[in-house]
């Protein structure tokens, strides 16, 4: 799968058994990550937009879930990050550096750069995707404003230890909950350990309506939607997402997108975010999510546990299949993590070439596989683990549309590629 506009690795021959022999399966393709939306969700969202209700109810539901002090919504995740970092910087104007994992989205770096704040990376643990606590501790100094804990694909860190390190250093802790809303560590909800949590509602996340939210646990950090205009409803985007995320429709979407990309000469990426990611530090009031989004999001929030059970079942099957499989390694969550969302299932290949071969073979079989945080490349001497993960990690789909035959196909393809490479 292409990433960051660069060319895809050279194609390999389809793995033996990759093509399904079951009638109709040729017209099915499984998205890499998706959370189901229904026509009923879209209709309810439209009704909420007309009534002028939905956004506030959703925001209050998240505040209640996390027992928080305040929250505010934004049109993109990056703008939510910007609002969070900006508020922290205003409160501690003598500090200007934020520590971010070396293995995470570029949204963190770009948001900080737009605000004029500095950032430093810290390495992660390869076995669990957790923060390398030693690396965090050694990076903390008098200029560190905050430490960002990113729960990559729902995999958490030792949050109690991170919170203590931040307190001792006088730095804030920001939890990135893009993949982990509803999960817990040692019986406490993720999102309650830090000063703030930032939620990402982009496509593929557990709540895929677009936009983001900052949730504050600190009475001294107040966030609000009051006095800010609401963005227009992204009805067409979410209706398209609801329709084309289903495997048969996704098969058509993927074929059409490939044709358009070949004509345009680029990988046109579609997002559910209703606003631009840029201008995170704009002086004007940044727009909030719409009542349409809020209504749909509330409905999806009530199904969060149901979706989590589906994802956990698929992840468990993959774990059993690959736990002792030479050539790839499964990622083990830190002890104490519960209600793991399993948004995608990561495999770490023994080489970058093998990762690329796996990705192509799975895509050829109609299984949406994706690489993870490939860009930017990192210095291997400074961030040995994160650098290795960037080059070798592939993810398998776990969402509720993945059925038993899809799982069998994914396992069969991976094993066939491993046999051929071994």
Protein backbone atom coordinates (compact mmCIF):
# COMPACT_ATOMS: atom_id res chain seq x y z
CA UNK A 1 0.00 0.00 0.00
CA UNK A 2 1.37 3.42 -0.90
CA UNK A 3 2.34 5.72 1.92
CA UNK A 4 3.03 9.47 1.99
CA UNK A 5 2.87 9.71 -1.80
CA UNK A 6 5.88 7.48 -2.40
CA UNK A 7 5.97 4.54 -4.76
CA UNK A 8 4.81 1.19 -3.56
CA UNK A 9 7.31 -1.60 -3.18
CA UNK A 10 7.82 -3.89 -6.21
CA UNK A 11 4.98 -6.31 -6.58
CA UNK A 12 5.41 -9.96 -5.81
CA UNK A 13 3.50 -12.88 -7.25
CA UNK A 14 0.24 -13.55 -5.41
CA UNK A 15 0.74 -15.91 -2.51
CA UNK A 16 -0.49 -19.46 -3.07
CA UNK A 17 -4.07 -19.63 -1.86
CA UNK A 18 -4.47 -15.86 -1.82
CA UNK A 19 -7.31 -15.88 -4.34
CA UNK A 20 -10.54 -17.09 -2.81
CA UNK A 21 -12.35 -20.04 -4.35
CA UNK A 22 -15.63 -19.15 -2.62
CA UNK A 23 -18.21 -17.74 -5.08
CA UNK A 24 -18.58 -13.97 -4.75
CA UNK A 25 -15.44 -13.44 -2.69
CA UNK A 26 -13.65 -12.01 -5.73
CA UNK A 27 -15.99 -9.01 -5.45
CA UNK A 28 -15.12 -8.33 -1.84
CA UNK A 29 -12.27 -6.26 -0.39
CA UNK A 30 -11.70 -5.62 3.31
CA UNK A 31 -10.75 -2.05 4.35
CA UNK A 32 -7.65 -1.72 6.56
CA UNK A 33 -9.62 -0.02 9.35
CA UNK A 34 -13.22 1.06 9.62
CA UNK A 35 -15.99 1.58 12.16
CA UNK A 36 -19.45 0.78 10.77
CA UNK A 37 -21.94 3.59 10.22
CA UNK A 38 -25.54 2.86 9.22
CA UNK A 39 -28.17 4.72 7.18
CA UNK A 40 -29.96 5.18 10.49
CA UNK A 41 -26.93 7.02 11.85
CA UNK A 42 -26.95 9.40 8.89
CA UNK A 43 -30.70 10.01 9.21
CA UNK A 44 -30.41 10.64 12.94
CA UNK A 45 -27.51 13.00 12.30
CA UNK A 46 -29.57 15.02 9.86
CA UNK A 47 -32.39 15.23 12.39
CA UNK A 48 -29.94 16.37 15.05
CA UNK A 49 -28.58 19.03 12.73
CA UNK A 50 -32.09 20.36 12.09
CA UNK A 51 -32.88 20.39 15.82
CA UNK A 52 -29.59 22.06 16.67
CA UNK A 53 -28.74 19.24 19.07
CA UNK A 54 -26.06 16.57 19.09
CA UNK A 55 -22.67 18.17 19.53
CA UNK A 56 -23.24 19.18 23.16
CA UNK A 57 -24.69 15.80 24.07
CA UNK A 58 -21.73 13.96 22.60
CA UNK A 59 -19.23 16.24 24.31
CA UNK A 60 -20.99 15.79 27.65
CA UNK A 61 -21.05 12.00 27.17
CA UNK A 62 -17.26 11.93 26.74
CA UNK A 63 -16.80 14.25 29.73
CA UNK A 64 -18.93 11.89 31.80
CA UNK A 65 -17.07 8.79 30.55
CA UNK A 66 -13.72 10.30 31.56
CA UNK A 67 -15.02 12.11 34.67
CA UNK A 68 -13.45 15.27 33.25
CA UNK A 69 -13.66 18.96 34.09
CA UNK A 70 -14.30 20.36 30.60
CA UNK A 71 -14.02 19.60 26.89
CA UNK A 72 -14.21 21.26 23.49
CA UNK A 73 -14.59 19.98 19.93
CA UNK A 74 -12.63 20.91 16.81
CA UNK A 75 -12.90 20.21 13.10
CA UNK A 76 -9.68 18.16 12.92
CA UNK A 77 -7.43 16.23 15.26
CA UNK A 78 -4.50 18.52 14.55
CA UNK A 79 -6.52 21.57 15.55
CA UNK A 80 -7.53 19.82 18.76
CA UNK A 81 -3.87 19.10 19.47
CA UNK A 82 -3.03 22.73 18.73
CA UNK A 83 -5.68 23.98 21.15
CA UNK A 84 -4.36 21.67 23.86
CA UNK A 85 -0.69 22.61 23.42
CA UNK A 86 -1.55 26.31 23.12
CA UNK A 87 -3.42 26.27 26.43
CA UNK A 88 -0.58 24.45 28.17
CA UNK A 89 1.97 26.91 26.78
CA UNK A 90 -0.09 29.90 27.95
CA UNK A 91 -0.13 28.49 31.46
CA UNK A 92 3.61 27.72 31.59
CA UNK A 93 5.25 30.34 29.38
CA UNK A 94 8.73 29.49 30.68
CA UNK A 95 8.61 26.04 29.04
CA UNK A 96 8.47 25.42 25.30
CA UNK A 97 9.39 21.79 24.52
CA UNK A 98 7.02 18.84 24.15
CA UNK A 99 8.19 15.23 24.23
CA UNK A 100 6.50 13.00 21.64
CA UNK A 101 7.04 9.33 20.79
CA UNK A 102 9.35 8.62 17.89
CA UNK A 103 6.72 6.15 16.64
CA UNK A 104 3.56 8.18 16.04
CA UNK A 105 1.64 10.36 13.58
CA UNK A 106 3.19 13.52 12.12
CA UNK A 107 0.16 15.49 13.38
CA UNK A 108 1.93 16.07 16.71
CA UNK A 109 5.05 17.53 15.15
CA UNK A 110 3.12 19.67 12.67
CA UNK A 111 0.79 21.07 15.33
CA UNK A 112 3.74 22.01 17.53
CA UNK A 113 5.64 23.60 14.66
CA UNK A 114 2.65 25.74 13.69
CA UNK A 115 2.47 27.01 17.28
CA UNK A 116 6.20 27.76 17.39
CA UNK A 117 6.83 25.16 20.09
CA UNK A 118 9.79 22.79 20.08
CA UNK A 119 9.53 19.03 20.20
CA UNK A 120 11.86 16.18 21.07
CA UNK A 121 11.27 12.53 20.37
CA UNK A 122 11.63 9.62 22.77
CA UNK A 123 11.94 5.95 21.86
CA UNK A 124 9.36 3.25 22.49
CA UNK A 125 9.31 -0.39 23.54
CA UNK A 126 9.28 -2.78 20.59
CA UNK A 127 7.43 -5.58 22.36
CA UNK A 128 4.44 -3.47 23.43
CA UNK A 129 4.52 -0.08 21.59
CA UNK A 130 4.64 1.46 25.08
CA UNK A 131 6.73 4.49 25.98
CA UNK A 132 10.34 3.71 26.87
CA UNK A 133 10.17 5.06 30.41
CA UNK A 134 13.93 5.38 30.68
CA UNK A 135 14.02 7.47 27.51
CA UNK A 136 11.24 9.71 28.81
CA UNK A 137 12.89 10.19 32.18
CA UNK A 138 16.25 11.08 30.64
CA UNK A 139 14.60 13.60 28.28
CA UNK A 140 12.70 15.47 31.00
CA UNK A 141 14.29 18.79 31.91
CA UNK A 142 13.26 22.30 33.00
CA UNK A 143 12.15 23.26 29.48
CA UNK A 144 9.74 20.36 28.96
CA UNK A 145 6.18 21.65 28.85
CA UNK A 146 4.47 18.30 28.34
CA UNK A 147 4.92 14.63 27.55
CA UNK A 148 2.58 13.09 24.99
CA UNK A 149 1.56 9.47 25.53
CA UNK A 150 0.24 7.94 22.30
CA UNK A 151 -1.77 4.74 22.54
CA UNK A 152 -0.78 3.39 19.13
CA UNK A 153 -3.51 1.06 17.79
CA UNK A 154 -4.88 0.95 21.33
CA UNK A 155 -1.62 -0.30 22.92
CA UNK A 156 -0.96 1.68 26.08
CA UNK A 157 1.99 2.57 28.29
CA UNK A 158 2.51 2.31 32.04
CA UNK A 159 0.37 5.38 32.61
CA UNK A 160 0.79 5.59 36.37
CA UNK A 161 4.57 5.71 35.98
CA UNK A 162 4.38 8.28 33.18
CA UNK A 163 2.09 10.46 35.29
CA UNK A 164 4.51 10.28 38.21
CA UNK A 165 7.51 11.17 36.03
CA UNK A 166 5.66 14.20 34.69
CA UNK A 167 4.58 15.36 38.15
CA UNK A 168 8.11 15.06 39.50
CA UNK A 169 9.46 17.11 36.57
CA UNK A 170 6.73 19.76 36.67
CA UNK A 171 5.56 18.82 33.16
CA UNK A 172 2.03 18.14 31.95
CA UNK A 173 0.91 14.77 30.60
CA UNK A 174 -1.19 14.69 27.43
CA UNK A 175 -2.92 11.43 26.48
CA UNK A 176 -3.61 10.85 22.79
CA UNK A 177 -6.79 8.77 22.69
CA UNK A 178 -7.23 8.33 18.95
CA UNK A 179 -7.37 4.55 19.32
CA UNK A 180 -8.20 4.11 23.00
CA UNK A 181 -11.39 5.87 24.03
CA UNK A 182 -13.12 3.42 26.37
CA UNK A 183 -9.99 1.43 27.29
CA UNK A 184 -8.53 1.21 30.80
CA UNK A 185 -5.18 0.73 32.48
CA UNK A 186 -5.07 -0.86 35.95
CA UNK A 187 -8.83 -0.32 36.22
CA UNK A 188 -8.70 3.41 35.41
CA UNK A 189 -9.92 4.84 32.13
CA UNK A 190 -7.27 5.95 29.69
CA UNK A 191 -7.74 9.69 29.40
CA UNK A 192 -7.88 10.18 33.18
CA UNK A 193 -4.15 9.91 33.95
CA UNK A 194 -3.03 13.13 32.27
CA UNK A 195 -3.81 16.81 32.50
CA UNK A 196 -5.54 16.57 29.12
CA UNK A 197 -6.64 13.92 26.65
CA UNK A 198 -7.01 14.58 22.93
CA UNK A 199 -9.45 12.41 20.97
CA UNK A 200 -9.24 11.76 17.23
CA UNK A 201 -12.47 11.05 15.35
CA UNK A 202 -10.94 10.57 11.91
CA UNK A 203 -11.96 7.71 9.62
CA UNK A 204 -10.81 4.31 10.84
CA UNK A 205 -10.89 5.29 14.50
CA UNK A 206 -13.49 3.84 16.94
CA UNK A 207 -15.58 6.99 16.38
CA UNK A 208 -15.06 7.96 12.71
CA UNK A 209 -17.21 11.08 12.29
CA UNK A 210 -14.30 13.49 11.72
CA UNK A 211 -12.93 16.16 14.01
CA UNK A 212 -11.35 15.97 17.44
CA UNK A 213 -11.85 16.86 21.08
CA UNK A 214 -9.73 18.12 23.96
CA UNK A 215 -10.81 16.78 27.36
CA UNK A 216 -9.35 18.41 30.47
CA UNK A 217 -8.87 16.79 33.88
CA UNK A 218 -7.42 20.02 35.27
CA UNK A 219 -9.77 22.70 36.67
CA UNK A 220 -7.13 25.25 35.71
CA UNK A 221 -7.36 24.29 32.02
CA UNK A 222 -10.82 25.06 30.70
CA UNK A 223 -11.99 24.23 27.17
CA UNK A 224 -15.37 25.15 25.71
CA UNK A 225 -17.40 25.22 22.50
CA UNK A 226 -19.22 28.36 23.65
CA UNK A 227 -18.78 31.39 21.40
CA UNK A 228 -17.29 29.40 18.53
CA UNK A 229 -19.01 28.77 15.19
CA UNK A 230 -19.94 25.22 14.20
CA UNK A 231 -18.60 23.72 10.99
CA UNK A 232 -21.06 22.70 8.29
CA UNK A 233 -22.31 19.11 8.43
CA UNK A 234 -20.18 16.62 6.50
CA UNK A 235 -23.22 14.64 5.36
CA UNK A 236 -21.94 13.52 1.96
CA UNK A 237 -18.61 12.41 3.41
CA UNK A 238 -20.12 10.27 6.17
CA UNK A 239 -22.82 8.88 3.88
CA UNK A 240 -20.10 7.81 1.47
CA UNK A 241 -18.06 6.38 4.34
CA UNK A 242 -21.09 4.41 5.56
CA UNK A 243 -21.74 2.98 2.11
CA UNK A 244 -18.24 2.28 0.82
CA UNK A 245 -16.75 0.87 4.02
CA UNK A 246 -18.62 -2.37 3.49
CA UNK A 247 -16.46 -5.01 1.77
CA UNK A 248 -18.41 -5.36 -1.49
CA UNK A 249 -18.74 -1.60 -1.91
CA UNK A 250 -15.15 -1.09 -0.80
CA UNK A 251 -14.09 -3.41 -3.63
CA UNK A 252 -15.74 -1.00 -6.10
CA UNK A 253 -14.32 2.04 -4.31
CA UNK A 254 -10.81 0.62 -4.37
CA UNK A 255 -10.96 -0.13 -8.09
CA UNK A 256 -12.32 3.31 -8.90
CA UNK A 257 -9.81 5.07 -6.67
CA UNK A 258 -6.92 3.20 -8.27
CA UNK A 259 -8.07 4.39 -11.68
CA UNK A 260 -8.43 8.00 -10.52
CA UNK A 261 -5.04 7.93 -8.80
CA UNK A 262 -3.39 6.66 -11.98
CA UNK A 263 -4.97 9.54 -13.92
CA UNK A 264 -4.03 12.15 -11.33
CA UNK A 265 -0.61 10.63 -10.76
CA UNK A 266 -1.00 10.73 -6.99
CA UNK A 267 -2.58 8.91 -4.08
CA UNK A 268 -5.69 11.00 -3.40
CA UNK A 269 -6.46 10.58 0.28
CA UNK A 270 -9.98 11.04 1.63
CA UNK A 271 -10.68 12.10 5.20
CA UNK A 272 -13.83 12.43 7.30
CA UNK A 273 -12.45 15.61 8.90
CA UNK A 274 -14.78 18.47 7.85
CA UNK A 275 -12.12 21.18 8.04
CA UNK A 276 -8.55 21.96 7.07
CA UNK A 277 -5.80 20.59 9.30
CA UNK A 278 -3.80 23.80 8.93
CA UNK A 279 -3.93 27.05 10.92
CA UNK A 280 -4.00 25.30 14.29
CA UNK A 281 -2.91 28.51 15.99
CA UNK A 282 -5.22 30.88 14.10
CA UNK A 283 -6.32 33.98 16.00
CA UNK A 284 -9.95 33.61 14.94
CA UNK A 285 -12.17 31.23 16.92
CA UNK A 286 -11.68 27.75 15.52
CA UNK A 287 -14.90 26.04 14.45
CA UNK A 288 -16.47 23.25 16.49
CA UNK A 289 -17.87 19.95 15.30
CA UNK A 290 -21.42 20.06 13.91
CA UNK A 291 -24.60 18.76 15.52
CA UNK A 292 -24.75 16.25 12.67
CA UNK A 293 -21.36 14.84 13.68
CA UNK A 294 -22.24 14.93 17.36
CA UNK A 295 -25.46 12.99 16.87
CA UNK A 296 -23.78 10.30 14.79
CA UNK A 297 -20.89 10.12 17.26
CA UNK A 298 -23.24 9.62 20.21
CA UNK A 299 -24.85 6.67 18.46
CA UNK A 300 -21.48 5.11 17.66
CA UNK A 301 -20.34 5.67 21.26
CA UNK A 302 -23.19 3.47 22.49
CA UNK A 303 -21.91 0.67 20.23
CA UNK A 304 -18.28 1.01 21.32
CA UNK A 305 -18.27 -2.13 23.48
CA UNK A 306 -19.99 -4.18 20.77
CA UNK A 307 -17.40 -3.13 18.19
CA UNK A 308 -14.61 -3.79 20.68
CA UNK A 309 -15.79 -7.37 21.18
CA UNK A 310 -15.76 -7.94 17.41
CA UNK A 311 -12.26 -6.51 17.09
CA UNK A 312 -10.99 -8.47 20.09
CA UNK A 313 -12.28 -11.73 18.57
CA UNK A 314 -10.44 -11.06 15.32
CA UNK A 315 -7.27 -9.98 17.13
CA UNK A 316 -7.36 -13.14 19.26
CA UNK A 317 -7.53 -15.31 16.14
CA UNK A 318 -4.55 -13.50 14.62
CA UNK A 319 -2.61 -13.82 17.87
CA UNK A 320 -3.19 -17.57 17.98
CA UNK A 321 -2.14 -17.91 14.33
CA UNK A 322 1.05 -15.84 14.50
CA UNK A 323 2.27 -16.13 18.10
CA UNK A 324 4.93 -18.72 17.19
CA UNK A 325 5.26 -17.95 13.48
CA UNK A 326 8.89 -17.50 12.30
CA UNK A 327 9.45 -14.26 10.41
CA UNK A 328 6.85 -12.12 12.16
CA UNK A 329 6.20 -11.08 15.73
CA UNK A 330 2.98 -10.09 17.48
CA UNK A 331 2.85 -7.10 19.83
CA UNK A 332 2.02 -7.79 23.48
CA UNK A 333 0.08 -5.14 25.44
CA UNK A 334 1.50 -3.88 28.72
CA UNK A 335 0.19 -5.65 31.81
CA UNK A 336 -2.88 -3.91 33.18
CA UNK A 337 -4.45 -2.87 29.86
CA UNK A 338 -8.12 -3.82 29.55
CA UNK A 339 -10.95 -3.05 27.12
CA UNK A 340 -8.24 -2.87 24.44
CA UNK A 341 -9.87 -1.48 21.29
CA UNK A 342 -7.70 -3.51 18.83
CA UNK A 343 -8.38 -1.00 16.04
CA UNK A 344 -5.86 -2.83 13.83
CA UNK A 345 -3.63 -5.84 14.48
CA UNK A 346 0.10 -5.15 14.14
CA UNK A 347 2.69 -7.64 12.97
CA UNK A 348 6.39 -6.79 13.08
CA UNK A 349 8.28 -8.48 10.24
CA UNK A 350 11.91 -9.52 10.51
CA UNK A 351 12.86 -7.21 7.62
CA UNK A 352 11.53 -4.26 5.65
CA UNK A 353 11.53 -6.31 2.43
CA UNK A 354 9.39 -8.99 4.06
CA UNK A 355 6.99 -6.34 5.37
CA UNK A 356 6.61 -4.93 1.85
CA UNK A 357 6.01 -8.39 0.35
CA UNK A 358 3.36 -9.13 2.98
CA UNK A 359 1.59 -5.85 2.31
CA UNK A 360 1.41 -6.39 -1.44
CA UNK A 361 0.30 -10.03 -1.17
CA UNK A 362 -2.45 -9.19 1.31
CA UNK A 363 -3.71 -6.34 -0.85
CA UNK A 364 -3.76 -8.67 -3.86
CA UNK A 365 -5.95 -11.04 -1.82
CA UNK A 366 -8.41 -8.26 -0.95
CA UNK A 367 -7.21 -7.86 2.64
CA UNK A 368 -6.52 -4.23 3.51
CA UNK A 369 -3.04 -4.21 5.04
CA UNK A 370 -1.29 -0.98 5.95
CA UNK A 371 2.14 0.24 6.93
CA UNK A 372 2.45 2.36 10.02
CA UNK A 373 4.12 5.77 10.53
CA UNK A 374 6.71 5.28 7.79
CA UNK A 375 7.49 8.98 7.55
CA UNK A 376 9.76 10.61 8.51
CA UNK A 377 12.65 8.13 8.66
CA UNK A 378 14.58 8.18 11.94
CA UNK A 379 18.22 7.92 12.89
CA UNK A 380 18.69 4.31 13.96
CA UNK A 381 21.37 5.21 16.48
CA UNK A 382 19.10 7.65 18.35
CA UNK A 383 15.80 5.78 18.09
CA UNK A 384 16.67 2.15 17.35
CA UNK A 385 13.31 0.66 18.28
CA UNK A 386 11.04 3.24 16.66
CA UNK A 387 13.17 3.23 13.52
CA UNK A 388 12.85 -0.54 13.26
CA UNK A 389 9.09 -0.46 13.85
CA UNK A 390 8.60 2.17 11.13
CA UNK A 391 10.34 -0.06 8.60
CA UNK A 392 8.86 -3.40 9.61
CA UNK A 393 5.32 -2.99 10.96
CA UNK A 394 2.25 -4.04 9.01
CA UNK A 395 -1.33 -4.04 10.28
CA UNK A 396 -4.21 -6.43 9.59
CA UNK A 397 -7.88 -5.41 9.71
CA UNK A 398 -9.88 -6.30 12.82
CA UNK A 399 -13.10 -4.32 12.33
CA UNK A 400 -16.61 -5.81 12.54
CA UNK A 401 -16.83 -6.42 8.77
CA UNK A 402 -13.95 -8.93 8.98
CA UNK A 403 -15.45 -12.43 8.87
CA UNK A 404 -14.01 -15.90 9.43
CA UNK A 405 -13.10 -16.37 5.78
CA UNK A 406 -11.29 -13.01 5.74
CA UNK A 407 -9.25 -14.07 8.76
CA UNK A 408 -8.41 -17.41 7.16
CA UNK A 409 -7.36 -15.66 3.96
CA UNK A 410 -5.11 -13.24 5.86
CA UNK A 411 -3.46 -16.05 7.81
CA UNK A 412 -3.02 -18.20 4.70
CA UNK A 413 -1.45 -15.35 2.72
CA UNK A 414 0.96 -14.36 5.50
CA UNK A 415 2.09 -17.94 6.00
CA UNK A 416 2.55 -18.45 2.25
CA UNK A 417 4.73 -15.34 1.95
CA UNK A 418 6.77 -16.44 4.96
CA UNK A 419 7.33 -19.88 3.47
CA UNK A 420 8.43 -18.37 0.19
CA UNK A 421 10.81 -15.92 1.88
CA UNK A 422 12.24 -18.49 4.26
